[in-house]
């Protein structure tokens, strides 16, 4: 009888990548303090190092989840199912943002 494949061992580098701090990056020339533009308008732009500007991607992810949660909350009646739906959306949003954050360089503290 075939045996189940042995799970791959996780490397220390992978552990650091998964649990380390990934600072959000901003589009080149974007001043997060003094800029009046909506950050999501800079979606797809790159930072000064040529990396995807993750702050703009996070902004788009938030907008998508906020709009989805609002729309579904209007059509799903209040109750247990709506509460579970919103909890699942929150969890999904956290995973989506974690995936975006992993694109940023790992910051050694």
Protein backbone atom coordinates (compact mmCIF):
# COMPACT_ATOMS: atom_id res chain seq x y z
CA UNK A 1 0.00 0.00 0.00
CA UNK A 2 1.44 3.41 -0.95
CA UNK A 3 2.36 5.71 1.88
CA UNK A 4 1.41 9.35 2.07
CA UNK A 5 4.16 11.72 0.97
CA UNK A 6 6.17 13.14 3.82
CA UNK A 7 5.53 16.86 4.29
CA UNK A 8 8.43 19.04 3.22
CA UNK A 9 10.43 20.44 6.09
CA UNK A 10 10.15 24.16 6.48
CA UNK A 11 13.40 26.08 6.36
CA UNK A 12 14.39 28.77 8.84
CA UNK A 13 14.42 31.22 5.93
CA UNK A 14 10.78 30.34 5.13
CA UNK A 15 9.82 30.75 8.80
CA UNK A 16 11.44 34.20 8.87
CA UNK A 17 9.65 35.12 5.64
CA UNK A 18 6.26 33.97 6.94
CA UNK A 19 6.50 35.56 10.37
CA UNK A 20 8.82 38.51 9.72
CA UNK A 21 7.85 42.12 9.20
CA UNK A 22 7.11 43.14 5.61
CA UNK A 23 6.83 46.93 5.46
CA UNK A 24 4.30 48.29 2.99
CA UNK A 25 5.92 50.02 0.06
CA UNK A 26 4.56 53.17 -1.59
CA UNK A 27 4.59 54.27 -5.23
CA UNK A 28 7.68 56.19 -6.22
CA UNK A 29 7.21 59.86 -5.32
CA UNK A 30 4.05 59.19 -3.27
CA UNK A 31 4.09 60.97 0.10
CA UNK A 32 1.76 59.02 2.43
CA UNK A 33 1.55 61.96 4.85
CA UNK A 34 0.90 64.88 2.52
CA UNK A 35 -0.71 63.25 -0.54
CA UNK A 36 -4.41 63.86 -1.12
CA UNK A 37 -4.71 61.18 -3.84
CA UNK A 38 -6.53 58.02 -2.96
CA UNK A 39 -3.84 55.41 -2.59
CA UNK A 40 -5.85 52.89 -4.62
CA UNK A 41 -5.47 55.19 -7.66
CA UNK A 42 -1.79 54.18 -7.68
CA UNK A 43 -2.55 50.46 -8.02
CA UNK A 44 0.08 48.65 -10.08
CA UNK A 45 2.74 51.33 -9.64
CA UNK A 46 6.21 50.49 -8.34
CA UNK A 47 8.30 51.86 -5.49
CA UNK A 48 11.75 53.44 -5.85
CA UNK A 49 13.36 49.97 -5.81
CA UNK A 50 11.12 48.66 -8.59
CA UNK A 51 8.93 46.53 -6.30
CA UNK A 52 5.14 46.55 -6.53
CA UNK A 53 3.85 49.35 -4.29
CA UNK A 54 2.01 47.16 -1.81
CA UNK A 55 0.32 50.01 0.09
CA UNK A 56 -1.78 50.74 -3.00
CA UNK A 57 -2.65 47.04 -3.37
CA UNK A 58 -3.70 46.88 0.30
CA UNK A 59 -5.96 49.89 -0.32
CA UNK A 60 -7.65 48.12 -3.24
CA UNK A 61 -8.06 44.91 -1.21
CA UNK A 62 -9.74 46.92 1.57
CA UNK A 63 -12.08 48.62 -0.90
CA UNK A 64 -13.08 45.29 -2.46
CA UNK A 65 -13.83 43.70 0.92
CA UNK A 66 -15.67 46.73 2.27
CA UNK A 67 -17.88 46.90 -0.83
CA UNK A 68 -18.46 43.13 -0.78
CA UNK A 69 -19.36 43.11 2.92
CA UNK A 70 -21.74 46.05 2.47
CA UNK A 71 -23.46 44.46 -0.52
CA UNK A 72 -23.84 41.06 1.11
CA UNK A 73 -25.03 42.56 4.39
CA UNK A 74 -27.87 44.22 2.51
CA UNK A 75 -29.09 40.94 1.00
CA UNK A 76 -28.28 38.36 3.69
CA UNK A 77 -30.70 38.69 6.61
CA UNK A 78 -29.24 39.43 10.05
CA UNK A 79 -28.53 36.34 12.08
CA UNK A 80 -26.03 33.59 12.56
CA UNK A 81 -25.36 33.09 8.86
CA UNK A 82 -24.69 36.78 8.27
CA UNK A 83 -22.36 36.89 11.27
CA UNK A 84 -20.46 33.83 10.01
CA UNK A 85 -20.33 35.32 6.51
CA UNK A 86 -18.78 38.53 7.84
CA UNK A 87 -16.32 36.57 9.98
CA UNK A 88 -15.30 34.52 6.94
CA UNK A 89 -14.87 37.71 4.89
CA UNK A 90 -12.68 39.19 7.63
CA UNK A 91 -10.53 36.07 7.67
CA UNK A 92 -10.31 36.08 3.90
CA UNK A 93 -9.30 39.75 3.92
CA UNK A 94 -6.52 39.00 6.40
CA UNK A 95 -5.18 36.22 4.16
CA UNK A 96 -5.43 38.47 1.10
CA UNK A 97 -3.48 41.21 2.86
CA UNK A 98 -0.92 38.71 4.13
CA UNK A 99 -0.40 37.54 0.56
CA UNK A 100 0.13 41.11 -0.58
CA UNK A 101 2.49 41.85 2.32
CA UNK A 102 4.65 38.85 1.44
CA UNK A 103 5.58 40.65 -1.80
CA UNK A 104 7.39 43.34 0.20
CA UNK A 105 10.99 42.87 1.22
CA UNK A 106 11.51 41.31 4.64
CA UNK A 107 12.71 43.88 7.17
CA UNK A 108 15.29 42.61 9.65
CA UNK A 109 14.57 44.16 13.03
